[in-house]
Amino acid sequence: EKEMTQKEQVLQHLKKNGTITSWDAIIEYGITRLSGVIYKLKKDGYKITTKTIVKRKGERTITFAEYRLRND
């Protein structure tokens, strides 16, 4: 059975869950450069939007991207 590429893993995740974050990609697939994979998918013609999420953790502010696959 052929290993899925990072692009295939991310695309499948987006189709199944609607969104993906870098945390999802690291935990579930070991992908540390999600933005690079998203860039390649966009180049392939997939419509993916980026939303910046900001979370406060006490004194710290955590900012990360949430990618969403558009099906229009």
PDB file of N, CA and C in Angstrom:
ATOM      1  N   GLU A   1       0.850  -1.202   0.000  1.00  0.00           N
ATOM      2  CA  GLU A   1       0.000   0.000   0.000  1.00  0.00           C
ATOM      3  C   GLU A   1       0.883   1.249   0.000  1.00  0.00           C
ATOM      4  N   LYS A   2       0.605   2.150  -0.940  1.00  0.00           N
ATOM      5  CA  LYS A   2       1.416   3.351  -1.112  1.00  0.00           C
ATOM      6  C   LYS A   2       1.175   4.351   0.028  1.00  0.00           C
ATOM      7  N   GLU A   3       2.276   4.899   0.536  1.00  0.00           N
ATOM      8  CA  GLU A   3       2.184   5.969   1.543  1.00  0.00           C
ATOM      9  C   GLU A   3       1.549   7.205   0.900  1.00  0.00           C
ATOM     10  N   MET A   4       0.671   7.855   1.618  1.00  0.00           N
ATOM     11  CA  MET A   4       0.097   9.099   1.107  1.00  0.00           C
ATOM     12  C   MET A   4       1.127  10.214   1.220  1.00  0.00           C
ATOM     13  N   THR A   5       1.143  11.093   0.220  1.00  0.00           N
ATOM     14  CA  THR A   5       2.027  12.258   0.294  1.00  0.00           C
ATOM     15  C   THR A   5       1.430  13.251   1.298  1.00  0.00           C
ATOM     16  N   GLN A   6       2.240  14.208   1.716  1.00  0.00           N
ATOM     17  CA  GLN A   6       1.738  15.245   2.626  1.00  0.00           C
ATOM     18  C   GLN A   6       0.584  15.994   1.978  1.00  0.00           C
ATOM     19  N   LYS A   7       0.695  16.276   0.686  1.00  0.00           N
ATOM     20  CA  LYS A   7      -0.382  16.971  -0.024  1.00  0.00           C
ATOM     21  C   LYS A   7      -1.673  16.162   0.046  1.00  0.00           C
ATOM     22  N   GLU A   8      -1.568  14.857  -0.193  1.00  0.00           N
ATOM     23  CA  GLU A   8      -2.752  13.989  -0.158  1.00  0.00           C
ATOM     24  C   GLU A   8      -3.346  13.934   1.251  1.00  0.00           C
ATOM     25  N   GLN A   9      -2.474  13.856   2.260  1.00  0.00           N
ATOM     26  CA  GLN A   9      -2.956  13.796   3.650  1.00  0.00           C
ATOM     27  C   GLN A   9      -3.710  15.070   4.019  1.00  0.00           C
ATOM     28  N   VAL A  10      -3.133  16.211   3.673  1.00  0.00           N
ATOM     29  CA  VAL A  10      -3.750  17.502   4.020  1.00  0.00           C
ATOM     30  C   VAL A  10      -5.062  17.679   3.260  1.00  0.00           C
ATOM     31  N   LEU A  11      -5.058  17.333   1.976  1.00  0.00           N
ATOM     32  CA  LEU A  11      -6.273  17.465   1.167  1.00  0.00           C
ATOM     33  C   LEU A  11      -7.385  16.576   1.722  1.00  0.00           C
ATOM     34  N   GLN A  12      -7.050  15.343   2.061  1.00  0.00           N
ATOM     35  CA  GLN A  12      -8.042  14.423   2.624  1.00  0.00           C
ATOM     36  C   GLN A  12      -8.592  14.979   3.946  1.00  0.00           C
ATOM     37  N   HIS A  13      -7.702  15.516   4.790  1.00  0.00           N
ATOM     38  CA  HIS A  13      -8.119  16.097   6.068  1.00  0.00           C
ATOM     39  C   HIS A  13      -9.081  17.264   5.830  1.00  0.00           C
ATOM     40  N   LEU A  14      -8.737  18.139   4.885  1.00  0.00           N
ATOM     41  CA  LEU A  14      -9.589  19.292   4.581  1.00  0.00           C
ATOM     42  C   LEU A  14     -10.958  18.840   4.077  1.00  0.00           C
ATOM     43  N   LYS A  15     -10.978  17.833   3.223  1.00  0.00           N
ATOM     44  CA  LYS A  15     -12.263  17.343   2.683  1.00  0.00           C
ATOM     45  C   LYS A  15     -13.118  16.723   3.774  1.00  0.00           C
ATOM     46  N   LYS A  16     -12.477  16.031   4.723  1.00  0.00           N
ATOM     47  CA  LYS A  16     -13.210  15.347   5.791  1.00  0.00           C
ATOM     48  C   LYS A  16     -13.629  16.304   6.909  1.00  0.00           C
ATOM     49  N   ASN A  17     -12.730  17.225   7.295  1.00  0.00           N
ATOM     50  CA  ASN A  17     -12.965  18.067   8.481  1.00  0.00           C
ATOM     51  C   ASN A  17     -13.271  19.533   8.179  1.00  0.00           C
ATOM     52  N   GLY A  18     -13.049  19.962   6.956  1.00  0.00           N
ATOM     53  CA  GLY A  18     -13.332  21.344   6.592  1.00  0.00           C
ATOM     54  C   GLY A  18     -12.162  22.285   6.817  1.00  0.00           C
ATOM     55  N   THR A  19     -11.460  22.113   7.949  1.00  0.00           N
ATOM     56  CA  THR A  19     -10.334  22.998   8.254  1.00  0.00           C
ATOM     57  C   THR A  19      -9.141  22.193   8.754  1.00  0.00           C
ATOM     58  N   ILE A  20      -7.970  22.839   8.725  1.00  0.00           N
ATOM     59  CA  ILE A  20      -6.765  22.249   9.314  1.00  0.00           C
ATOM     60  C   ILE A  20      -5.894  23.381   9.858  1.00  0.00           C
ATOM     61  N   THR A  21      -5.238  23.127  10.973  1.00  0.00           N
ATOM     62  CA  THR A  21      -4.272  24.069  11.543  1.00  0.00           C
ATOM     63  C   THR A  21      -2.909  23.399  11.573  1.00  0.00           C
ATOM     64  N   SER A  22      -1.874  24.185  11.805  1.00  0.00           N
ATOM     65  CA  SER A  22      -0.538  23.598  11.880  1.00  0.00           C
ATOM     66  C   SER A  22      -0.456  22.581  13.017  1.00  0.00           C
ATOM     67  N   TRP A  23      -1.202  22.828  14.092  1.00  0.00           N
ATOM     68  CA  TRP A  23      -1.212  21.885  15.221  1.00  0.00           C
ATOM     69  C   TRP A  23      -1.802  20.538  14.783  1.00  0.00           C
ATOM     70  N   ASP A  24      -2.941  20.589  14.044  1.00  0.00           N
ATOM     71  CA  ASP A  24      -3.544  19.358  13.508  1.00  0.00           C
ATOM     72  C   ASP A  24      -2.519  18.607  12.662  1.00  0.00           C
ATOM     73  N   ALA A  25      -1.834  19.341  11.793  1.00  0.00           N
ATOM     74  CA  ALA A  25      -0.892  18.724  10.853  1.00  0.00           C
ATOM     75  C   ALA A  25       0.275  18.062  11.577  1.00  0.00           C
ATOM     76  N   ILE A  26       0.773  18.711  12.628  1.00  0.00           N
ATOM     77  CA  ILE A  26       1.897  18.154  13.395  1.00  0.00           C
ATOM     78  C   ILE A  26       1.447  16.902  14.152  1.00  0.00           C
ATOM     79  N   ILE A  27       0.347  17.020  14.892  1.00  0.00           N
ATOM     80  CA  ILE A  27      -0.130  15.920  15.736  1.00  0.00           C
ATOM     81  C   ILE A  27      -0.563  14.714  14.908  1.00  0.00           C
ATOM     82  N   GLU A  28      -1.331  14.943  13.845  1.00  0.00           N
ATOM     83  CA  GLU A  28      -1.924  13.832  13.113  1.00  0.00           C
ATOM     84  C   GLU A  28      -1.030  13.250  12.020  1.00  0.00           C
ATOM     85  N   TYR A  29      -0.180  14.104  11.416  1.00  0.00           N
ATOM     86  CA  TYR A  29       0.586  13.639  10.254  1.00  0.00           C
ATOM     87  C   TYR A  29       2.091  13.874  10.360  1.00  0.00           C
ATOM     88  N   GLY A  30       2.542  14.549  11.408  1.00  0.00           N
ATOM     89  CA  GLY A  30       3.963  14.849  11.539  1.00  0.00           C
ATOM     90  C   GLY A  30       4.436  15.892  10.538  1.00  0.00           C
ATOM     91  N   ILE A  31       3.504  16.678  10.007  1.00  0.00           N
ATOM     92  CA  ILE A  31       3.845  17.716   9.027  1.00  0.00           C
ATOM     93  C   ILE A  31       4.148  19.010   9.776  1.00  0.00           C
ATOM     94  N   THR A  32       5.388  19.483   9.642  1.00  0.00           N
ATOM     95  CA  THR A  32       5.798  20.676  10.394  1.00  0.00           C
ATOM     96  C   THR A  32       5.727  21.949   9.552  1.00  0.00           C
ATOM     97  N   ARG A  33       5.623  21.816   8.228  1.00  0.00           N
ATOM     98  CA  ARG A  33       5.560  23.000   7.364  1.00  0.00           C
ATOM     99  C   ARG A  33       4.251  22.995   6.582  1.00  0.00           C
ATOM    100  N   LEU A  34       3.150  23.127   7.305  1.00  0.00           N
ATOM    101  CA  LEU A  34       1.831  23.078   6.675  1.00  0.00           C
ATOM    102  C   LEU A  34       1.671  24.159   5.614  1.00  0.00           C
ATOM    103  N   SER A  35       2.196  25.350   5.883  1.00  0.00           N
ATOM    104  CA  SER A  35       2.036  26.455   4.923  1.00  0.00           C
ATOM    105  C   SER A  35       2.623  26.090   3.555  1.00  0.00           C
ATOM    106  N   GLY A  36       3.717  25.328   3.553  1.00  0.00           N
ATOM    107  CA  GLY A  36       4.327  24.886   2.293  1.00  0.00           C
ATOM    108  C   GLY A  36       3.424  23.926   1.531  1.00  0.00           C
ATOM    109  N   VAL A  37       2.770  23.036   2.265  1.00  0.00           N
ATOM    110  CA  VAL A  37       1.849  22.071   1.645  1.00  0.00           C
ATOM    111  C   VAL A  37       0.631  22.812   1.090  1.00  0.00           C
ATOM    112  N   ILE A  38       0.113  23.773   1.865  1.00  0.00           N
ATOM    113  CA  ILE A  38      -1.036  24.575   1.433  1.00  0.00           C
ATOM    114  C   ILE A  38      -0.685  25.351   0.158  1.00  0.00           C
ATOM    115  N   TYR A  39       0.525  25.903   0.115  1.00  0.00           N
ATOM    116  CA  TYR A  39       0.999  26.639  -1.063  1.00  0.00           C
ATOM    117  C   TYR A  39       0.932  25.747  -2.308  1.00  0.00           C
ATOM    118  N   LYS A  40       1.414  24.498  -2.166  1.00  0.00           N
ATOM    119  CA  LYS A  40       1.407  23.557  -3.305  1.00  0.00           C
ATOM    120  C   LYS A  40      -0.024  23.215  -3.730  1.00  0.00           C
ATOM    121  N   LEU A  41      -0.920  23.018  -2.752  1.00  0.00           N
ATOM    122  CA  LEU A  41      -2.318  22.715  -3.071  1.00  0.00           C
ATOM    123  C   LEU A  41      -2.975  23.881  -3.809  1.00  0.00           C
ATOM    124  N   LYS A  42      -2.673  25.109  -3.365  1.00  0.00           N
ATOM    125  CA  LYS A  42      -3.217  26.302  -4.042  1.00  0.00           C
ATOM    126  C   LYS A  42      -2.698  26.365  -5.478  1.00  0.00           C
ATOM    127  N   LYS A  43      -1.409  26.045  -5.646  1.00  0.00           N
ATOM    128  CA  LYS A  43      -0.811  26.045  -6.984  1.00  0.00           C
ATOM    129  C   LYS A  43      -1.482  25.016  -7.881  1.00  0.00           C
ATOM    130  N   ASP A  44      -1.955  23.929  -7.292  1.00  0.00           N
ATOM    131  CA  ASP A  44      -2.674  22.884  -8.025  1.00  0.00           C
ATOM    132  C   ASP A  44      -4.119  23.292  -8.336  1.00  0.00           C
ATOM    133  N   GLY A  45      -4.544  24.456  -7.842  1.00  0.00           N
ATOM    134  CA  GLY A  45      -5.873  24.966  -8.178  1.00  0.00           C
ATOM    135  C   GLY A  45      -6.921  24.845  -7.083  1.00  0.00           C
ATOM    136  N   TYR A  46      -6.549  24.305  -5.931  1.00  0.00           N
ATOM    137  CA  TYR A  46      -7.524  24.216  -4.837  1.00  0.00           C
ATOM    138  C   TYR A  46      -7.731  25.590  -4.223  1.00  0.00           C
ATOM    139  N   LYS A  47      -8.991  25.905  -3.917  1.00  0.00           N
ATOM    140  CA  LYS A  47      -9.317  27.200  -3.305  1.00  0.00           C
ATOM    141  C   LYS A  47      -9.289  27.029  -1.789  1.00  0.00           C
ATOM    142  N   ILE A  48      -8.254  27.566  -1.169  1.00  0.00           N
ATOM    143  CA  ILE A  48      -8.074  27.421   0.275  1.00  0.00           C
ATOM    144  C   ILE A  48      -7.934  28.809   0.883  1.00  0.00           C
ATOM    145  N   THR A  49      -8.762  29.087   1.876  1.00  0.00           N
ATOM    146  CA  THR A  49      -8.691  30.389   2.544  1.00  0.00           C
ATOM    147  C   THR A  49      -7.919  30.241   3.856  1.00  0.00           C
ATOM    148  N   THR A  50      -7.334  31.344   4.290  1.00  0.00           N
ATOM    149  CA  THR A  50      -6.548  31.371   5.527  1.00  0.00           C
ATOM    150  C   THR A  50      -7.204  32.323   6.502  1.00  0.00           C
ATOM    151  N   LYS A  51      -7.420  31.837   7.718  1.00  0.00           N
ATOM    152  CA  LYS A  51      -7.972  32.677   8.784  1.00  0.00           C
ATOM    153  C   LYS A  51      -6.955  32.681   9.917  1.00  0.00           C
ATOM    154  N   THR A  52      -6.623  33.855  10.407  1.00  0.00           N
ATOM    155  CA  THR A  52      -5.681  33.950  11.523  1.00  0.00           C
ATOM    156  C   THR A  52      -6.451  33.857  12.829  1.00  0.00           C
ATOM    157  N   ILE A  53      -6.058  32.895  13.666  1.00  0.00           N
ATOM    158  CA  ILE A  53      -6.704  32.679  14.963  1.00  0.00           C
ATOM    159  C   ILE A  53      -5.770  33.220  16.042  1.00  0.00           C
ATOM    160  N   VAL A  54      -6.325  33.991  16.974  1.00  0.00           N
ATOM    161  CA  VAL A  54      -5.535  34.522  18.082  1.00  0.00           C
ATOM    162  C   VAL A  54      -6.145  34.009  19.383  1.00  0.00           C
ATOM    163  N   LYS A  55      -5.326  33.336  20.188  1.00  0.00           N
ATOM    164  CA  LYS A  55      -5.804  32.810  21.481  1.00  0.00           C
ATOM    165  C   LYS A  55      -4.937  33.359  22.595  1.00  0.00           C
ATOM    166  N   ARG A  56      -5.581  33.728  23.686  1.00  0.00           N
ATOM    167  CA  ARG A  56      -4.852  34.211  24.865  1.00  0.00           C
ATOM    168  C   ARG A  56      -4.654  33.052  25.825  1.00  0.00           C
ATOM    169  N   LYS A  57      -3.427  32.872  26.276  1.00  0.00           N
ATOM    170  CA  LYS A  57      -3.115  31.857  27.285  1.00  0.00           C
ATOM    171  C   LYS A  57      -2.436  32.605  28.425  1.00  0.00           C
ATOM    172  N   GLY A  58      -3.219  33.081  29.376  1.00  0.00           N
ATOM    173  CA  GLY A  58      -2.658  33.886  30.463  1.00  0.00           C
ATOM    174  C   GLY A  58      -2.007  35.126  29.895  1.00  0.00           C
ATOM    175  N   GLU A  59      -0.705  35.265  30.103  1.00  0.00           N
ATOM    176  CA  GLU A  59       0.037  36.418  29.587  1.00  0.00           C
ATOM    177  C   GLU A  59       0.369  36.265  28.105  1.00  0.00           C
ATOM    178  N   ARG A  60       0.404  35.013  27.658  1.00  0.00           N
ATOM    179  CA  ARG A  60       0.838  34.743  26.281  1.00  0.00           C
ATOM    180  C   ARG A  60      -0.305  34.863  25.281  1.00  0.00           C
ATOM    181  N   THR A  61       0.040  35.295  24.083  1.00  0.00           N
ATOM    182  CA  THR A  61      -0.903  35.311  22.975  1.00  0.00           C
ATOM    183  C   THR A  61      -0.380  34.344  21.926  1.00  0.00           C
ATOM    184  N   ILE A  62      -1.224  33.423  21.506  1.00  0.00           N
ATOM    185  CA  ILE A  62      -0.850  32.444  20.496  1.00  0.00           C
ATOM    186  C   ILE A  62      -1.598  32.783  19.212  1.00  0.00           C
ATOM    187  N   THR A  63      -0.851  32.897  18.122  1.00  0.00           N
ATOM    188  CA  THR A  63      -1.435  33.205  16.820  1.00  0.00           C
ATOM    189  C   THR A  63      -1.103  32.072  15.860  1.00  0.00           C
ATOM    190  N   PHE A  64      -2.116  31.575  15.166  1.00  0.00           N
ATOM    191  CA  PHE A  64      -1.867  30.527  14.181  1.00  0.00           C
ATOM    192  C   PHE A  64      -2.892  30.615  13.055  1.00  0.00           C
ATOM    193  N   ALA A  65      -2.584  29.939  11.956  1.00  0.00           N
ATOM    194  CA  ALA A  65      -3.456  29.964  10.783  1.00  0.00           C
ATOM    195  C   ALA A  65      -4.385  28.753  10.788  1.00  0.00           C
ATOM    196  N   GLU A  66      -5.606  29.005  10.350  1.00  0.00           N
ATOM    197  CA  GLU A  66      -6.561  27.921  10.119  1.00  0.00           C
ATOM    198  C   GLU A  66      -6.894  27.961   8.625  1.00  0.00           C
ATOM    199  N   TYR A  67      -6.657  26.849   7.956  1.00  0.00           N
ATOM    200  CA  TYR A  67      -6.916  26.771   6.518  1.00  0.00           C
ATOM    201  C   TYR A  67      -8.231  26.061   6.277  1.00  0.00           C
ATOM    202  N   ARG A  68      -9.003  26.596   5.311  1.00  0.00           N
ATOM    203  CA  ARG A  68     -10.311  26.030   4.993  1.00  0.00           C
ATOM    204  C   ARG A  68     -10.411  25.810   3.476  1.00  0.00           C
ATOM    205  N   LEU A  69     -10.898  24.638   3.098  1.00  0.00           N
ATOM    206  CA  LEU A  69     -11.094  24.323   1.681  1.00  0.00           C
ATOM    207  C   LEU A  69     -12.449  24.845   1.256  1.00  0.00           C
ATOM    208  N   ARG A  70     -12.435  25.694   0.230  1.00  0.00           N
ATOM    209  CA  ARG A  70     -13.694  26.220  -0.308  1.00  0.00           C
ATOM    210  C   ARG A  70     -14.155  25.313  -1.430  1.00  0.00           C
ATOM    211  N   ASN A  71     -15.429  24.996  -1.446  1.00  0.00           N
ATOM    212  CA  ASN A  71     -15.938  24.191  -2.557  1.00  0.00           C
ATOM    213  C   ASN A  71     -16.956  24.994  -3.358  1.00  0.00           C
ATOM    214  N   ASP A  72     -16.437  25.999  -4.052  1.00  0.00           N
ATOM    215  CA  ASP A  72     -17.337  26.790  -4.899  1.00  0.00           C
ATOM    216  C   ASP A  72     -16.805  26.875  -6.315  1.00  0.00           C
TER     217      ASP A  72
END
